Amino acid sequence: VPELGFTADDRPHPRGELAVRTPQTIRRYFAASAADQASF
């Protein structure tokens, strides 16, 4: 998240926006806008 100054290279602890994939993760939102689909 460069505009907030957070990167995975930060030390001593990497920082950034969390992205996850689990066995239950949905593929997309039903009939959602392109902006909502950007969540994936």
PDB file of all heavy atoms in Angstrom:
ATOM      1  N   VAL A   1       0.882  -1.168   0.000  1.00  0.00           N
ATOM      2  CA  VAL A   1       0.000   0.000   0.000  1.00  0.00           C
ATOM      3  C   VAL A   1       0.918   1.216   0.000  1.00  0.00           C
ATOM      4  O   VAL A   1       1.102   1.878   1.024  1.00  0.00           O
ATOM      5  CB  VAL A   1      -0.941   0.006   1.227  1.00  0.00           C
ATOM      6  CG1 VAL A   1      -1.970   1.118   1.106  1.00  0.00           C
ATOM      7  CG2 VAL A   1      -1.620  -1.338   1.413  1.00  0.00           C
ATOM      8  N   PRO A   2       1.530   1.520  -1.160  1.00  0.00           N
ATOM      9  CA  PRO A   2       2.556   2.574  -1.200  1.00  0.00           C
ATOM     10  C   PRO A   2       2.047   3.950  -0.792  1.00  0.00           C
ATOM     11  O   PRO A   2       2.786   4.723  -0.184  1.00  0.00           O
ATOM     12  CB  PRO A   2       3.037   2.554  -2.648  1.00  0.00           C
ATOM     13  CG  PRO A   2       2.003   1.818  -3.414  1.00  0.00           C
ATOM     14  CD  PRO A   2       1.300   0.917  -2.455  1.00  0.00           C
ATOM     15  N   GLU A   3       0.773   4.251  -1.079  1.00  0.00           N
ATOM     16  CA  GLU A   3       0.258   5.577  -0.715  1.00  0.00           C
ATOM     17  C   GLU A   3       0.166   5.763   0.794  1.00  0.00           C
ATOM     18  O   GLU A   3       0.119   6.888   1.285  1.00  0.00           O
ATOM     19  CB  GLU A   3      -1.103   5.845  -1.377  1.00  0.00           C
ATOM     20  CG  GLU A   3      -2.237   4.966  -0.905  1.00  0.00           C
ATOM     21  CD  GLU A   3      -2.373   3.643  -1.643  1.00  0.00           C
ATOM     22  OE1 GLU A   3      -1.427   3.227  -2.335  1.00  0.00           O
ATOM     23  OE2 GLU A   3      -3.441   3.019  -1.513  1.00  0.00           O
ATOM     24  N   LEU A   4       0.162   4.661   1.558  1.00  0.00           N
ATOM     25  CA  LEU A   4       0.153   4.748   3.014  1.00  0.00           C
ATOM     26  C   LEU A   4       1.524   4.429   3.617  1.00  0.00           C
ATOM     27  O   LEU A   4       1.705   4.464   4.825  1.00  0.00           O
ATOM     28  CB  LEU A   4      -0.894   3.797   3.608  1.00  0.00           C
ATOM     29  CG  LEU A   4      -2.341   4.036   3.178  1.00  0.00           C
ATOM     30  CD1 LEU A   4      -3.258   3.013   3.821  1.00  0.00           C
ATOM     31  CD2 LEU A   4      -2.780   5.448   3.510  1.00  0.00           C
ATOM     32  N   GLY A   5       2.480   4.071   2.747  1.00  0.00           N
ATOM     33  CA  GLY A   5       3.824   3.781   3.215  1.00  0.00           C
ATOM     34  C   GLY A   5       4.017   2.380   3.759  1.00  0.00           C
ATOM     35  O   GLY A   5       4.957   2.123   4.506  1.00  0.00           O
ATOM     36  N   PHE A   6       3.140   1.437   3.400  1.00  0.00           N
ATOM     37  CA  PHE A   6       3.249   0.065   3.882  1.00  0.00           C
ATOM     38  C   PHE A   6       3.703  -0.851   2.752  1.00  0.00           C
ATOM     39  O   PHE A   6       3.116  -0.843   1.674  1.00  0.00           O
ATOM     40  CB  PHE A   6       1.900  -0.446   4.402  1.00  0.00           C
ATOM     41  CG  PHE A   6       1.340   0.345   5.550  1.00  0.00           C
ATOM     42  CD1 PHE A   6       0.053   0.829   5.505  1.00  0.00           C
ATOM     43  CD2 PHE A   6       2.097   0.608   6.679  1.00  0.00           C
ATOM     44  CE1 PHE A   6      -0.485   1.544   6.556  1.00  0.00           C
ATOM     45  CE2 PHE A   6       1.573   1.328   7.740  1.00  0.00           C
ATOM     46  CZ  PHE A   6       0.280   1.796   7.679  1.00  0.00           C
ATOM     47  N   THR A   7       4.728  -1.663   3.015  1.00  0.00           N
ATOM     48  CA  THR A   7       5.178  -2.629   2.020  1.00  0.00           C
ATOM     49  C   THR A   7       5.550  -3.941   2.702  1.00  0.00           C
ATOM     50  O   THR A   7       5.837  -3.980   3.898  1.00  0.00           O
ATOM     51  CB  THR A   7       6.422  -2.140   1.231  1.00  0.00           C
ATOM     52  OG1 THR A   7       7.559  -2.185   2.079  1.00  0.00           O
ATOM     53  CG2 THR A   7       6.221  -0.741   0.677  1.00  0.00           C
ATOM     54  N   ALA A   8       5.563  -4.995   1.915  1.00  0.00           N
ATOM     55  CA  ALA A   8       5.959  -6.307   2.415  1.00  0.00           C
ATOM     56  C   ALA A   8       7.446  -6.340   2.744  1.00  0.00           C
ATOM     57  O   ALA A   8       7.909  -7.271   3.402  1.00  0.00           O
ATOM     58  CB  ALA A   8       5.610  -7.380   1.387  1.00  0.00           C
ATOM     59  N   ASP A   9       8.191  -5.325   2.311  1.00  0.00           N
ATOM     60  CA  ASP A   9       9.627  -5.245   2.613  1.00  0.00           C
ATOM     61  C   ASP A   9       9.924  -4.450   3.883  1.00  0.00           C
ATOM     62  O   ASP A   9      11.091  -4.307   4.253  1.00  0.00           O
ATOM     63  CB  ASP A   9      10.380  -4.612   1.437  1.00  0.00           C
ATOM     64  CG  ASP A   9      10.328  -5.479   0.193  1.00  0.00           C
ATOM     65  OD1 ASP A   9      10.324  -6.723   0.326  1.00  0.00           O
ATOM     66  OD2 ASP A   9      10.279  -4.915  -0.917  1.00  0.00           O
ATOM     67  N   ASP A  10       8.904  -3.916   4.549  1.00  0.00           N
ATOM     68  CA  ASP A  10       9.111  -3.146   5.776  1.00  0.00           C
ATOM     69  C   ASP A  10       9.809  -4.003   6.825  1.00  0.00           C
ATOM     70  O   ASP A  10       9.565  -5.206   6.924  1.00  0.00           O
ATOM     71  CB  ASP A  10       7.779  -2.647   6.349  1.00  0.00           C
ATOM     72  CG  ASP A  10       7.158  -1.537   5.530  1.00  0.00           C
ATOM     73  OD1 ASP A  10       7.851  -0.987   4.660  1.00  0.00           O
ATOM     74  OD2 ASP A  10       5.967  -1.229   5.754  1.00  0.00           O
ATOM     75  N   ARG A  11      10.669  -3.381   7.609  1.00  0.00           N
ATOM     76  CA  ARG A  11      11.378  -4.055   8.693  1.00  0.00           C
ATOM     77  C   ARG A  11      11.185  -3.267   9.971  1.00  0.00           C
ATOM     78  O   ARG A  11      11.115  -2.050   9.914  1.00  0.00           O
ATOM     79  CB  ARG A  11      12.872  -4.179   8.358  1.00  0.00           C
ATOM     80  CG  ARG A  11      13.152  -5.054   7.151  1.00  0.00           C
ATOM     81  CD  ARG A  11      12.773  -6.508   7.420  1.00  0.00           C
ATOM     82  NE  ARG A  11      12.900  -7.318   6.222  1.00  0.00           N
ATOM     83  CZ  ARG A  11      11.870  -7.835   5.552  1.00  0.00           C
ATOM     84  NH1 ARG A  11      10.642  -7.614   5.936  1.00  0.00           N
ATOM     85  NH2 ARG A  11      12.057  -8.581   4.502  1.00  0.00           N
ATOM     86  N   PRO A  12      11.055  -3.869  11.123  1.00  0.00           N
ATOM     87  CA  PRO A  12      11.276  -5.282  11.382  1.00  0.00           C
ATOM     88  C   PRO A  12      10.092  -6.167  11.016  1.00  0.00           C
ATOM     89  O   PRO A  12      10.231  -7.389  10.974  1.00  0.00           O
ATOM     90  CB  PRO A  12      11.517  -5.337  12.889  1.00  0.00           C
ATOM     91  CG  PRO A  12      10.695  -4.212  13.436  1.00  0.00           C
ATOM     92  CD  PRO A  12      10.760  -3.141  12.367  1.00  0.00           C
ATOM     93  N   HIS A  13       8.922  -5.584  10.755  1.00  0.00           N
ATOM     94  CA  HIS A  13       7.745  -6.393  10.433  1.00  0.00           C
ATOM     95  C   HIS A  13       7.163  -5.967   9.086  1.00  0.00           C
ATOM     96  O   HIS A  13       6.836  -4.791   8.906  1.00  0.00           O
ATOM     97  CB  HIS A  13       6.672  -6.235  11.510  1.00  0.00           C
ATOM     98  CG  HIS A  13       7.137  -6.595  12.880  1.00  0.00           C
ATOM     99  ND1 HIS A  13       7.502  -7.872  13.230  1.00  0.00           N
ATOM    100  CD2 HIS A  13       7.322  -5.840  13.976  1.00  0.00           C
ATOM    101  CE1 HIS A  13       7.878  -7.888  14.489  1.00  0.00           C
ATOM    102  NE2 HIS A  13       7.788  -6.663  14.971  1.00  0.00           N
ATOM    103  N   PRO A  14       7.008  -6.911   8.159  1.00  0.00           N
ATOM    104  CA  PRO A  14       6.352  -6.589   6.885  1.00  0.00           C
ATOM    105  C   PRO A  14       4.927  -6.093   7.143  1.00  0.00           C
ATOM    106  O   PRO A  14       4.243  -6.591   8.046  1.00  0.00           O
ATOM    107  CB  PRO A  14       6.337  -7.931   6.145  1.00  0.00           C
ATOM    108  CG  PRO A  14       7.383  -8.758   6.799  1.00  0.00           C
ATOM    109  CD  PRO A  14       7.437  -8.301   8.226  1.00  0.00           C
ATOM    110  N   ARG A  15       4.497  -5.095   6.365  1.00  0.00           N
ATOM    111  CA  ARG A  15       3.152  -4.534   6.529  1.00  0.00           C
ATOM    112  C   ARG A  15       2.501  -4.399   5.169  1.00  0.00           C
ATOM    113  O   ARG A  15       3.173  -4.179   4.165  1.00  0.00           O
ATOM    114  CB  ARG A  15       3.224  -3.158   7.200  1.00  0.00           C
ATOM    115  CG  ARG A  15       3.871  -3.181   8.557  1.00  0.00           C
ATOM    116  CD  ARG A  15       3.968  -1.825   9.185  1.00  0.00           C
ATOM    117  NE  ARG A  15       4.776  -0.921   8.357  1.00  0.00           N
ATOM    118  CZ  ARG A  15       4.895   0.381   8.567  1.00  0.00           C
ATOM    119  NH1 ARG A  15       4.273   0.941   9.575  1.00  0.00           N
ATOM    120  NH2 ARG A  15       5.633   1.117   7.783  1.00  0.00           N
ATOM    121  N   GLY A  16       1.189  -4.503   5.141  1.00  0.00           N
ATOM    122  CA  GLY A  16       0.457  -4.333   3.890  1.00  0.00           C
ATOM    123  C   GLY A  16      -0.984  -4.767   4.056  1.00  0.00           C
ATOM    124  O   GLY A  16      -1.412  -5.183   5.140  1.00  0.00           O
ATOM    125  N   GLU A  17      -1.725  -4.666   2.960  1.00  0.00           N
ATOM    126  CA  GLU A  17      -3.132  -5.068   2.972  1.00  0.00           C
ATOM    127  C   GLU A  17      -3.203  -6.589   2.857  1.00  0.00           C
ATOM    128  O   GLU A  17      -2.568  -7.198   2.004  1.00  0.00           O
ATOM    129  CB  GLU A  17      -3.881  -4.410   1.818  1.00  0.00           C
ATOM    130  CG  GLU A  17      -5.360  -4.653   1.849  1.00  0.00           C
ATOM    131  CD  GLU A  17      -6.097  -3.831   0.802  1.00  0.00           C
ATOM    132  OE1 GLU A  17      -5.451  -3.215  -0.061  1.00  0.00           O
ATOM    133  OE2 GLU A  17      -7.330  -3.830   0.852  1.00  0.00           O
ATOM    134  N   LEU A  18      -3.990  -7.200   3.718  1.00  0.00           N
ATOM    135  CA  LEU A  18      -4.081  -8.655   3.769  1.00  0.00           C
ATOM    136  C   LEU A  18      -4.976  -9.190   2.651  1.00  0.00           C
ATOM    137  O   LEU A  18      -6.119  -8.749   2.493  1.00  0.00           O
ATOM    138  CB  LEU A  18      -4.635  -9.094   5.124  1.00  0.00           C
ATOM    139  CG  LEU A  18      -4.732 -10.591   5.372  1.00  0.00           C
ATOM    140  CD1 LEU A  18      -3.336 -11.228   5.366  1.00  0.00           C
ATOM    141  CD2 LEU A  18      -5.441 -10.861   6.681  1.00  0.00           C
ATOM    142  N   ALA A  19      -4.437 -10.132   1.895  1.00  0.00           N
ATOM    143  CA  ALA A  19      -5.210 -10.863   0.879  1.00  0.00           C
ATOM    144  C   ALA A  19      -5.160 -12.329   1.277  1.00  0.00           C
ATOM    145  O   ALA A  19      -4.098 -12.858   1.605  1.00  0.00           O
ATOM    146  CB  ALA A  19      -4.605 -10.656  -0.505  1.00  0.00           C
ATOM    147  N   VAL A  20      -6.323 -12.991   1.267  1.00  0.00           N
ATOM    148  CA  VAL A  20      -6.400 -14.377   1.721  1.00  0.00           C
ATOM    149  C   VAL A  20      -7.182 -15.241   0.742  1.00  0.00           C
ATOM    150  O   VAL A  20      -8.036 -14.755  -0.007  1.00  0.00           O
ATOM    151  CB  VAL A  20      -7.053 -14.487   3.119  1.00  0.00           C
ATOM    152  CG1 VAL A  20      -6.228 -13.771   4.168  1.00  0.00           C
ATOM    153  CG2 VAL A  20      -8.464 -13.979   3.115  1.00  0.00           C
ATOM    154  N   ARG A  21      -6.872 -16.532   0.803  1.00  0.00           N
ATOM    155  CA  ARG A  21      -7.639 -17.531   0.044  1.00  0.00           C
ATOM    156  C   ARG A  21      -7.790 -18.733   0.971  1.00  0.00           C
ATOM    157  O   ARG A  21      -6.798 -19.270   1.468  1.00  0.00           O
ATOM    158  CB  ARG A  21      -6.892 -17.910  -1.227  1.00  0.00           C
ATOM    159  CG  ARG A  21      -7.622 -18.890  -2.111  1.00  0.00           C
ATOM    160  CD  ARG A  21      -6.915 -19.099  -3.415  1.00  0.00           C
ATOM    161  NE  ARG A  21      -5.522 -19.506  -3.177  1.00  0.00           N
ATOM    162  CZ  ARG A  21      -4.576 -19.459  -4.104  1.00  0.00           C
ATOM    163  NH1 ARG A  21      -4.845 -19.017  -5.318  1.00  0.00           N
ATOM    164  NH2 ARG A  21      -3.350 -19.844  -3.831  1.00  0.00           N
ATOM    165  N   THR A  22      -9.032 -19.096   1.227  1.00  0.00           N
ATOM    166  CA  THR A  22      -9.343 -20.231   2.097  1.00  0.00           C
ATOM    167  C   THR A  22     -10.130 -21.254   1.290  1.00  0.00           C
ATOM    168  O   THR A  22     -10.587 -20.954   0.178  1.00  0.00           O
ATOM    169  CB  THR A  22     -10.199 -19.784   3.305  1.00  0.00           C
ATOM    170  OG1 THR A  22     -11.521 -19.491   2.848  1.00  0.00           O
ATOM    171  CG2 THR A  22      -9.612 -18.580   4.015  1.00  0.00           C
ATOM    172  N   PRO A  23     -10.332 -22.445   1.848  1.00  0.00           N
ATOM    173  CA  PRO A  23     -11.164 -23.419   1.144  1.00  0.00           C
ATOM    174  C   PRO A  23     -12.604 -22.929   0.939  1.00  0.00           C
ATOM    175  O   PRO A  23     -13.301 -23.404   0.043  1.00  0.00           O
ATOM    176  CB  PRO A  23     -11.139 -24.649   2.061  1.00  0.00           C
ATOM    177  CG  PRO A  23      -9.862 -24.521   2.829  1.00  0.00           C
ATOM    178  CD  PRO A  23      -9.667 -23.041   3.019  1.00  0.00           C
ATOM    179  N   GLN A  24     -13.052 -21.957   1.728  1.00  0.00           N
ATOM    180  CA  GLN A  24     -14.418 -21.438   1.622  1.00  0.00           C
ATOM    181  C   GLN A  24     -14.538 -20.134   0.829  1.00  0.00           C
ATOM    182  O   GLN A  24     -15.634 -19.593   0.700  1.00  0.00           O
ATOM    183  CB  GLN A  24     -15.005 -21.189   3.027  1.00  0.00           C
ATOM    184  CG  GLN A  24     -15.172 -22.426   3.871  1.00  0.00           C
ATOM    185  CD  GLN A  24     -13.878 -22.873   4.507  1.00  0.00           C
ATOM    186  OE1 GLN A  24     -12.997 -22.083   4.827  1.00  0.00           O
ATOM    187  NE2 GLN A  24     -13.738 -24.172   4.691  1.00  0.00           N
ATOM    188  N   THR A  25     -13.447 -19.598   0.314  1.00  0.00           N
ATOM    189  CA  THR A  25     -13.484 -18.304  -0.370  1.00  0.00           C
ATOM    190  C   THR A  25     -14.395 -18.363  -1.595  1.00  0.00           C
ATOM    191  O   THR A  25     -14.273 -19.262  -2.423  1.00  0.00           O
ATOM    192  CB  THR A  25     -12.074 -17.864  -0.813  1.00  0.00           C
ATOM    193  OG1 THR A  25     -11.237 -17.759   0.337  1.00  0.00           O
ATOM    194  CG2 THR A  25     -12.114 -16.519  -1.526  1.00  0.00           C
ATOM    195  N   ILE A  26     -15.303 -17.396  -1.679  1.00  0.00           N
ATOM    196  CA  ILE A  26     -16.165 -17.325  -2.855  1.00  0.00           C
ATOM    197  C   ILE A  26     -15.346 -16.828  -4.040  1.00  0.00           C
ATOM    198  O   ILE A  26     -14.302 -16.203  -3.874  1.00  0.00           O
ATOM    199  CB  ILE A  26     -17.388 -16.414  -2.606  1.00  0.00           C
ATOM    200  CG1 ILE A  26     -16.962 -14.966  -2.358  1.00  0.00           C
ATOM    201  CG2 ILE A  26     -18.223 -16.945  -1.457  1.00  0.00           C
ATOM    202  CD1 ILE A  26     -18.115 -13.985  -2.277  1.00  0.00           C
ATOM    203  N   ARG A  27     -15.785 -17.095  -5.235  1.00  0.00           N
ATOM    204  CA  ARG A  27     -15.038 -16.685  -6.435  1.00  0.00           C
ATOM    205  C   ARG A  27     -15.286 -15.240  -6.811  1.00  0.00           C
ATOM    206  O   ARG A  27     -14.407 -14.560  -7.322  1.00  0.00           O
ATOM    207  CB  ARG A  27     -15.409 -17.570  -7.614  1.00  0.00           C
ATOM    208  CG  ARG A  27     -14.943 -18.978  -7.426  1.00  0.00           C
ATOM    209  CD  ARG A  27     -15.256 -19.797  -8.628  1.00  0.00           C
ATOM    210  NE  ARG A  27     -14.979 -21.188  -8.319  1.00  0.00           N
ATOM    211  CZ  ARG A  27     -14.849 -22.100  -9.224  1.00  0.00           C
ATOM    212  NH1 ARG A  27     -14.977 -21.805 -10.492  1.00  0.00           N
ATOM    213  NH2 ARG A  27     -14.606 -23.332  -8.869  1.00  0.00           N
ATOM    214  N   ARG A  28     -16.514 -14.773  -6.581  1.00  0.00           N
ATOM    215  CA  ARG A  28     -16.866 -13.405  -6.920  1.00  0.00           C
ATOM    216  C   ARG A  28     -18.225 -13.109  -6.312  1.00  0.00           C
ATOM    217  O   ARG A  28     -18.900 -13.998  -5.827  1.00  0.00           O
ATOM    218  CB  ARG A  28     -16.891 -13.181  -8.431  1.00  0.00           C
ATOM    219  CG  ARG A  28     -17.894 -14.052  -9.153  1.00  0.00           C
ATOM    220  CD  ARG A  28     -17.826 -13.853 -10.670  1.00  0.00           C
ATOM    221  NE  ARG A  28     -18.632 -14.825 -11.352  1.00  0.00           N
ATOM    222  CZ  ARG A  28     -19.936 -14.729 -11.570  1.00  0.00           C
ATOM    223  NH1 ARG A  28     -20.607 -13.687 -11.146  1.00  0.00           N
ATOM    224  NH2 ARG A  28     -20.590 -15.683 -12.207  1.00  0.00           N
ATOM    225  N   TYR A  29     -18.619 -11.852  -6.369  1.00  0.00           N
ATOM    226  CA  TYR A  29     -19.951 -11.467  -5.928  1.00  0.00           C
ATOM    227  C   TYR A  29     -20.926 -11.673  -7.078  1.00  0.00           C
ATOM    228  O   TYR A  29     -20.598 -11.433  -8.240  1.00  0.00           O
ATOM    229  CB  TYR A  29     -19.984  -9.993  -5.514  1.00  0.00           C
ATOM    230  CG  TYR A  29     -19.162  -9.669  -4.297  1.00  0.00           C
ATOM    231  CD1 TYR A  29     -18.103  -8.777  -4.379  1.00  0.00           C
ATOM    232  CD2 TYR A  29     -19.447 -10.236  -3.071  1.00  0.00           C
ATOM    233  CE1 TYR A  29     -17.355  -8.452  -3.267  1.00  0.00           C
ATOM    234  CE2 TYR A  29     -18.697  -9.923  -1.947  1.00  0.00           C
ATOM    235  CZ  TYR A  29     -17.664  -9.023  -2.052  1.00  0.00           C
ATOM    236  OH  TYR A  29     -16.924  -8.714  -0.948  1.00  0.00           O
ATOM    237  N   PHE A  30     -22.135 -12.074  -6.760  1.00  0.00           N
ATOM    238  CA  PHE A  30     -23.166 -12.254  -7.776  1.00  0.00           C
ATOM    239  C   PHE A  30     -23.674 -10.892  -8.242  1.00  0.00           C
ATOM    240  O   PHE A  30     -24.040 -10.054  -7.432  1.00  0.00           O
ATOM    241  CB  PHE A  30     -24.326 -13.084  -7.214  1.00  0.00           C
ATOM    242  CG  PHE A  30     -25.455 -13.261  -8.183  1.00  0.00           C
ATOM    243  CD1 PHE A  30     -25.321 -14.119  -9.256  1.00  0.00           C
ATOM    244  CD2 PHE A  30     -26.639 -12.554  -8.035  1.00  0.00           C
ATOM    245  CE1 PHE A  30     -26.350 -14.285 -10.167  1.00  0.00           C
ATOM    246  CE2 PHE A  30     -27.668 -12.707  -8.934  1.00  0.00           C
ATOM    247  CZ  PHE A  30     -27.517 -13.574 -10.010  1.00  0.00           C
ATOM    248  N   ALA A  31     -23.659 -10.660  -9.539  1.00  0.00           N
ATOM    249  CA  ALA A  31     -24.199  -9.441 -10.156  1.00  0.00           C
ATOM    250  C   ALA A  31     -23.646  -8.164  -9.526  1.00  0.00           C
ATOM    251  O   ALA A  31     -24.381  -7.202  -9.322  1.00  0.00           O
ATOM    252  CB  ALA A  31     -25.730  -9.449 -10.102  1.00  0.00           C
ATOM    253  N   ALA A  32     -22.380  -8.158  -9.218  1.00  0.00           N
ATOM    254  CA  ALA A  32     -21.768  -6.994  -8.569  1.00  0.00           C
ATOM    255  C   ALA A  32     -21.094  -6.089  -9.595  1.00  0.00           C
ATOM    256  O   ALA A  32     -20.791  -6.496 -10.712  1.00  0.00           O
ATOM    257  CB  ALA A  32     -20.745  -7.453  -7.542  1.00  0.00           C
ATOM    258  N   SER A  33     -20.840  -4.855  -9.180  1.00  0.00           N
ATOM    259  CA  SER A  33     -20.166  -3.888 -10.034  1.00  0.00           C
ATOM    260  C   SER A  33     -18.686  -4.256 -10.176  1.00  0.00           C
ATOM    261  O   SER A  33     -18.144  -5.047  -9.415  1.00  0.00           O
ATOM    262  CB  SER A  33     -20.277  -2.491  -9.427  1.00  0.00           C
ATOM    263  OG  SER A  33     -19.501  -2.428  -8.242  1.00  0.00           O
ATOM    264  N   ALA A  34     -18.051  -3.657 -11.151  1.00  0.00           N
ATOM    265  CA  ALA A  34     -16.622  -3.891 -11.367  1.00  0.00           C
ATOM    266  C   ALA A  34     -15.818  -3.464 -10.142  1.00  0.00           C
ATOM    267  O   ALA A  34     -14.820  -4.099  -9.789  1.00  0.00           O
ATOM    268  CB  ALA A  34     -16.151  -3.140 -12.603  1.00  0.00           C
ATOM    269  N   ALA A  35     -16.240  -2.404  -9.471  1.00  0.00           N
ATOM    270  CA  ALA A  35     -15.536  -1.940  -8.274  1.00  0.00           C
ATOM    271  C   ALA A  35     -15.589  -3.000  -7.175  1.00  0.00           C
ATOM    272  O   ALA A  35     -14.598  -3.247  -6.488  1.00  0.00           O
ATOM    273  CB  ALA A  35     -16.132  -0.630  -7.777  1.00  0.00           C
ATOM    274  N   ASP A  36     -16.754  -3.639  -7.010  1.00  0.00           N
ATOM    275  CA  ASP A  36     -16.867  -4.700  -6.009  1.00  0.00           C
ATOM    276  C   ASP A  36     -16.030  -5.916  -6.392  1.00  0.00           C
ATOM    277  O   ASP A  36     -15.428  -6.561  -5.543  1.00  0.00           O
ATOM    278  CB  ASP A  36     -18.321  -5.119  -5.817  1.00  0.00           C
ATOM    279  CG  ASP A  36     -19.139  -4.078  -5.087  1.00  0.00           C
ATOM    280  OD1 ASP A  36     -18.544  -3.280  -4.327  1.00  0.00           O
ATOM    281  OD2 ASP A  36     -20.363  -4.045  -5.274  1.00  0.00           O
ATOM    282  N   GLN A  37     -15.985  -6.231  -7.681  1.00  0.00           N
ATOM    283  CA  GLN A  37     -15.199  -7.379  -8.135  1.00  0.00           C
ATOM    284  C   GLN A  37     -13.704  -7.149  -7.924  1.00  0.00           C
ATOM    285  O   GLN A  37     -12.935  -8.101  -7.868  1.00  0.00           O
ATOM    286  CB  GLN A  37     -15.487  -7.700  -9.610  1.00  0.00           C
ATOM    287  CG  GLN A  37     -16.910  -8.112  -9.884  1.00  0.00           C
ATOM    288  CD  GLN A  37     -17.390  -9.355  -9.116  1.00  0.00           C
ATOM    289  OE1 GLN A  37     -16.663  -9.998  -8.389  1.00  0.00           O
ATOM    290  NE2 GLN A  37     -18.658  -9.661  -9.275  1.00  0.00           N
ATOM    291  N   ALA A  38     -13.287  -5.894  -7.776  1.00  0.00           N
ATOM    292  CA  ALA A  38     -11.877  -5.584  -7.516  1.00  0.00           C
ATOM    293  C   ALA A  38     -11.430  -6.100  -6.147  1.00  0.00           C
ATOM    294  O   ALA A  38     -10.240  -6.085  -5.836  1.00  0.00           O
ATOM    295  CB  ALA A  38     -11.636  -4.084  -7.624  1.00  0.00           C
ATOM    296  N   SER A  39     -12.373  -6.577  -5.340  1.00  0.00           N
ATOM    297  CA  SER A  39     -12.029  -7.169  -4.054  1.00  0.00           C
ATOM    298  C   SER A  39     -11.365  -8.532  -4.211  1.00  0.00           C
ATOM    299  O   SER A  39     -10.920  -9.121  -3.233  1.00  0.00           O
ATOM    300  CB  SER A  39     -13.286  -7.331  -3.187  1.00  0.00           C
ATOM    301  OG  SER A  39     -13.841  -6.077  -2.883  1.00  0.00           O
ATOM    302  N   PHE A  40     -11.326  -9.040  -5.431  1.00  0.00           N
ATOM    303  CA  PHE A  40     -10.746 -10.351  -5.695  1.00  0.00           C
ATOM    304  C   PHE A  40      -9.595 -10.213  -6.686  1.00  0.00           C
ATOM    305  O   PHE A  40      -9.691  -9.488  -7.663  1.00  0.00           O
ATOM    306  CB  PHE A  40     -11.805 -11.299  -6.274  1.00  0.00           C
ATOM    307  CG  PHE A  40     -12.951 -11.537  -5.340  1.00  0.00           C
ATOM    308  CD1 PHE A  40     -14.077 -10.727  -5.377  1.00  0.00           C
ATOM    309  CD2 PHE A  40     -12.902 -12.551  -4.399  1.00  0.00           C
ATOM    310  CE1 PHE A  40     -15.136 -10.933  -4.512  1.00  0.00           C
ATOM    311  CE2 PHE A  40     -13.959 -12.764  -3.522  1.00  0.00           C
ATOM    312  CZ  PHE A  40     -15.077 -11.952  -3.579  1.00  0.00           C
TER     313      PHE A  40
END
